[in-house]
N, C-alpha and C. Protein backbone atom coordinates (compact mmCIF):
# COMPACT_ATOMS: atom_id res chain seq x y z
N MET A 1 15.10 -24.69 19.74
CA MET A 1 14.71 -24.80 18.36
C MET A 1 14.78 -23.41 17.72
N ALA A 2 15.37 -23.31 16.56
CA ALA A 2 15.52 -22.02 15.87
C ALA A 2 14.21 -21.60 15.23
N ASP A 3 13.97 -20.31 15.26
CA ASP A 3 12.78 -19.77 14.58
C ASP A 3 13.06 -19.75 13.08
N HIS A 4 12.07 -20.16 12.31
CA HIS A 4 12.21 -20.14 10.86
C HIS A 4 11.39 -19.00 10.30
N VAL A 5 12.04 -18.17 9.51
CA VAL A 5 11.36 -17.05 8.89
C VAL A 5 11.05 -17.43 7.45
N ILE A 6 9.79 -17.30 7.09
CA ILE A 6 9.39 -17.62 5.73
C ILE A 6 9.03 -16.32 5.04
N ALA A 7 9.69 -16.06 3.92
CA ALA A 7 9.42 -14.84 3.17
C ALA A 7 8.07 -14.95 2.47
N PRO A 8 7.36 -13.85 2.35
CA PRO A 8 6.08 -13.90 1.66
C PRO A 8 6.27 -14.24 0.18
N ALA A 9 5.30 -14.92 -0.38
CA ALA A 9 5.35 -15.29 -1.79
C ALA A 9 4.94 -14.10 -2.64
N ALA A 10 5.16 -14.22 -3.94
CA ALA A 10 4.68 -13.21 -4.89
C ALA A 10 3.16 -13.18 -4.83
N PRO A 11 2.56 -12.08 -5.26
CA PRO A 11 1.11 -12.02 -5.25
C PRO A 11 0.50 -13.17 -6.05
N PRO A 12 -0.71 -13.59 -5.72
CA PRO A 12 -1.33 -14.71 -6.43
C PRO A 12 -1.56 -14.39 -7.90
N VAL A 13 -1.61 -15.43 -8.71
CA VAL A 13 -1.80 -15.28 -10.14
C VAL A 13 -3.29 -15.40 -10.47
N ARG A 14 -3.82 -14.40 -11.17
CA ARG A 14 -5.22 -14.44 -11.61
C ARG A 14 -5.27 -15.02 -13.02
N ARG A 15 -6.38 -15.66 -13.34
CA ARG A 15 -6.57 -16.21 -14.69
C ARG A 15 -7.24 -15.16 -15.56
N VAL A 16 -6.42 -14.33 -16.17
CA VAL A 16 -6.89 -13.26 -17.04
C VAL A 16 -6.02 -13.23 -18.29
N ALA A 17 -6.45 -12.51 -19.28
CA ALA A 17 -5.66 -12.35 -20.51
C ALA A 17 -4.74 -11.14 -20.35
N PRO A 18 -3.57 -11.19 -21.00
CA PRO A 18 -2.68 -10.02 -20.94
C PRO A 18 -3.32 -8.84 -21.66
N PRO A 19 -2.89 -7.62 -21.33
CA PRO A 19 -3.45 -6.45 -22.02
C PRO A 19 -3.14 -6.50 -23.51
N VAL A 20 -4.01 -5.91 -24.31
CA VAL A 20 -3.82 -5.88 -25.76
C VAL A 20 -2.53 -5.14 -26.09
N GLU A 21 -2.30 -4.02 -25.41
CA GLU A 21 -1.07 -3.25 -25.62
C GLU A 21 -0.36 -3.11 -24.28
N PRO A 22 0.61 -3.99 -24.01
CA PRO A 22 1.35 -3.88 -22.74
C PRO A 22 2.04 -2.52 -22.63
N TYR A 23 2.21 -2.07 -21.42
CA TYR A 23 2.86 -0.79 -21.14
C TYR A 23 4.33 -1.04 -20.83
N ARG A 24 5.19 -0.19 -21.32
CA ARG A 24 6.63 -0.34 -21.07
C ARG A 24 7.09 0.80 -20.16
N PRO A 25 7.18 0.55 -18.85
CA PRO A 25 7.63 1.62 -17.93
C PRO A 25 9.07 2.01 -18.21
N SER A 26 9.40 3.26 -17.91
CA SER A 26 10.75 3.73 -18.19
C SER A 26 11.48 4.28 -16.97
N ALA A 27 10.75 4.65 -15.93
CA ALA A 27 11.38 5.26 -14.76
C ALA A 27 11.26 4.35 -13.54
N ILE A 28 12.38 4.13 -12.85
CA ILE A 28 12.37 3.36 -11.61
C ILE A 28 11.41 4.02 -10.63
N GLY A 29 10.56 3.22 -10.01
CA GLY A 29 9.59 3.73 -9.06
C GLY A 29 8.26 4.09 -9.70
N GLU A 30 8.19 4.03 -11.04
CA GLU A 30 6.95 4.34 -11.74
C GLU A 30 5.84 3.37 -11.31
N ARG A 31 4.64 3.89 -11.14
CA ARG A 31 3.49 3.09 -10.70
C ARG A 31 2.91 2.36 -11.91
N VAL A 32 2.84 1.02 -11.82
CA VAL A 32 2.30 0.18 -12.88
C VAL A 32 1.33 -0.83 -12.30
N PHE A 33 0.53 -1.44 -13.15
CA PHE A 33 -0.44 -2.45 -12.72
C PHE A 33 -0.02 -3.80 -13.29
N ASP A 34 0.13 -4.80 -12.42
CA ASP A 34 0.47 -6.16 -12.82
C ASP A 34 -0.86 -6.90 -13.00
N VAL A 35 -1.24 -7.15 -14.24
CA VAL A 35 -2.54 -7.77 -14.55
C VAL A 35 -2.66 -9.16 -13.92
N ARG A 36 -1.60 -9.94 -13.96
CA ARG A 36 -1.68 -11.31 -13.42
C ARG A 36 -1.95 -11.34 -11.94
N SER A 37 -1.36 -10.45 -11.18
CA SER A 37 -1.57 -10.46 -9.73
C SER A 37 -2.73 -9.57 -9.32
N GLY A 38 -3.11 -8.63 -10.19
CA GLY A 38 -4.16 -7.68 -9.84
C GLY A 38 -3.67 -6.61 -8.88
N CYS A 39 -2.35 -6.38 -8.85
CA CYS A 39 -1.76 -5.44 -7.89
C CYS A 39 -1.09 -4.26 -8.57
N TRP A 40 -1.25 -3.08 -7.96
CA TRP A 40 -0.45 -1.92 -8.35
C TRP A 40 0.93 -2.12 -7.72
N ALA A 41 1.96 -1.67 -8.42
CA ALA A 41 3.33 -1.88 -7.95
C ALA A 41 4.24 -0.77 -8.45
N ALA A 42 5.43 -0.71 -7.88
CA ALA A 42 6.47 0.20 -8.35
C ALA A 42 7.40 -0.58 -9.27
N PHE A 43 7.66 -0.04 -10.44
CA PHE A 43 8.59 -0.66 -11.39
C PHE A 43 10.00 -0.52 -10.86
N MET A 44 10.74 -1.64 -10.83
CA MET A 44 12.10 -1.62 -10.30
C MET A 44 13.16 -1.89 -11.35
N GLY A 45 12.79 -2.48 -12.48
CA GLY A 45 13.78 -2.71 -13.53
C GLY A 45 13.42 -3.87 -14.44
N TRP A 46 14.26 -4.04 -15.44
CA TRP A 46 14.12 -5.10 -16.45
C TRP A 46 15.29 -6.06 -16.34
N GLN A 47 15.06 -7.32 -16.67
CA GLN A 47 16.15 -8.28 -16.81
C GLN A 47 15.66 -9.45 -17.64
N HIS A 48 16.27 -9.66 -18.79
CA HIS A 48 15.98 -10.80 -19.67
C HIS A 48 14.49 -10.94 -19.97
N GLY A 49 13.82 -9.83 -20.27
CA GLY A 49 12.41 -9.86 -20.62
C GLY A 49 11.45 -9.89 -19.44
N SER A 50 11.98 -9.97 -18.24
CA SER A 50 11.12 -9.93 -17.05
C SER A 50 11.11 -8.53 -16.47
N VAL A 51 10.01 -8.18 -15.86
CA VAL A 51 9.86 -6.90 -15.18
C VAL A 51 9.89 -7.17 -13.68
N PHE A 52 10.67 -6.42 -12.95
CA PHE A 52 10.74 -6.58 -11.50
C PHE A 52 9.93 -5.47 -10.84
N LEU A 53 9.04 -5.89 -9.94
CA LEU A 53 8.10 -4.99 -9.29
C LEU A 53 8.21 -5.09 -7.79
N ARG A 54 7.79 -4.05 -7.11
CA ARG A 54 7.79 -4.03 -5.64
C ARG A 54 6.46 -3.42 -5.18
N PRO A 55 5.88 -3.93 -4.09
CA PRO A 55 4.64 -3.32 -3.59
C PRO A 55 4.83 -1.82 -3.37
N LEU A 56 3.78 -1.04 -3.61
CA LEU A 56 3.88 0.42 -3.49
C LEU A 56 4.29 0.86 -2.09
N GLY A 57 3.90 0.14 -1.07
CA GLY A 57 4.27 0.50 0.29
C GLY A 57 5.61 -0.07 0.73
N GLY A 58 6.33 -0.71 -0.20
CA GLY A 58 7.58 -1.36 0.12
C GLY A 58 7.37 -2.84 0.38
N GLY A 59 8.40 -3.61 0.32
CA GLY A 59 8.30 -5.04 0.56
C GLY A 59 9.12 -5.85 -0.43
N ILE A 60 8.78 -7.11 -0.53
CA ILE A 60 9.53 -8.06 -1.34
C ILE A 60 9.20 -7.88 -2.83
N GLU A 61 10.25 -7.80 -3.65
CA GLU A 61 10.06 -7.71 -5.11
C GLU A 61 9.54 -9.02 -5.66
N TRP A 62 8.85 -8.92 -6.79
CA TRP A 62 8.50 -10.10 -7.58
C TRP A 62 8.72 -9.76 -9.03
N ASP A 63 8.73 -10.76 -9.86
CA ASP A 63 8.92 -10.52 -11.29
C ASP A 63 7.75 -11.12 -12.06
N THR A 64 7.55 -10.59 -13.25
CA THR A 64 6.53 -11.08 -14.16
C THR A 64 6.99 -10.81 -15.57
N GLU A 65 6.34 -11.44 -16.52
CA GLU A 65 6.67 -11.18 -17.92
C GLU A 65 6.18 -9.78 -18.28
N ALA A 66 6.92 -9.11 -19.15
CA ALA A 66 6.60 -7.74 -19.53
C ALA A 66 5.21 -7.61 -20.14
N ARG A 67 4.70 -8.65 -20.75
CA ARG A 67 3.39 -8.58 -21.42
C ARG A 67 2.24 -8.41 -20.43
N TRP A 68 2.47 -8.58 -19.12
CA TRP A 68 1.42 -8.47 -18.12
C TRP A 68 1.34 -7.09 -17.46
N ILE A 69 2.14 -6.14 -17.91
CA ILE A 69 2.21 -4.82 -17.27
C ILE A 69 1.39 -3.79 -18.06
N THR A 70 0.66 -2.99 -17.33
CA THR A 70 -0.10 -1.90 -17.93
C THR A 70 -0.05 -0.70 -16.98
N ASN A 71 -0.54 0.44 -17.43
CA ASN A 71 -0.55 1.60 -16.56
C ASN A 71 -1.98 1.97 -16.13
N THR A 72 -2.94 1.09 -16.44
CA THR A 72 -4.31 1.26 -15.99
C THR A 72 -4.83 -0.07 -15.46
N GLU A 73 -5.70 -0.02 -14.50
CA GLU A 73 -6.28 -1.25 -13.95
C GLU A 73 -7.33 -1.77 -14.91
N LEU A 74 -7.30 -3.05 -15.20
CA LEU A 74 -8.26 -3.65 -16.13
C LEU A 74 -9.52 -4.08 -15.43
């Protein structure tokens, strides 16, 4: 029987409001806070209004809407 590898899911979604003034990161690798997941992450890029993030220690990228990104923990 073959071993099945399951990739980890994106961080869990918290029930919170988006920041009043979302932050717009500009540099790849910049440290940002994803309000929905409650996680600090490295900014990896933009695509069609989504922000792509990666855990600070490395790992699987996830995406979120740009309105959920800030540069301070709420």
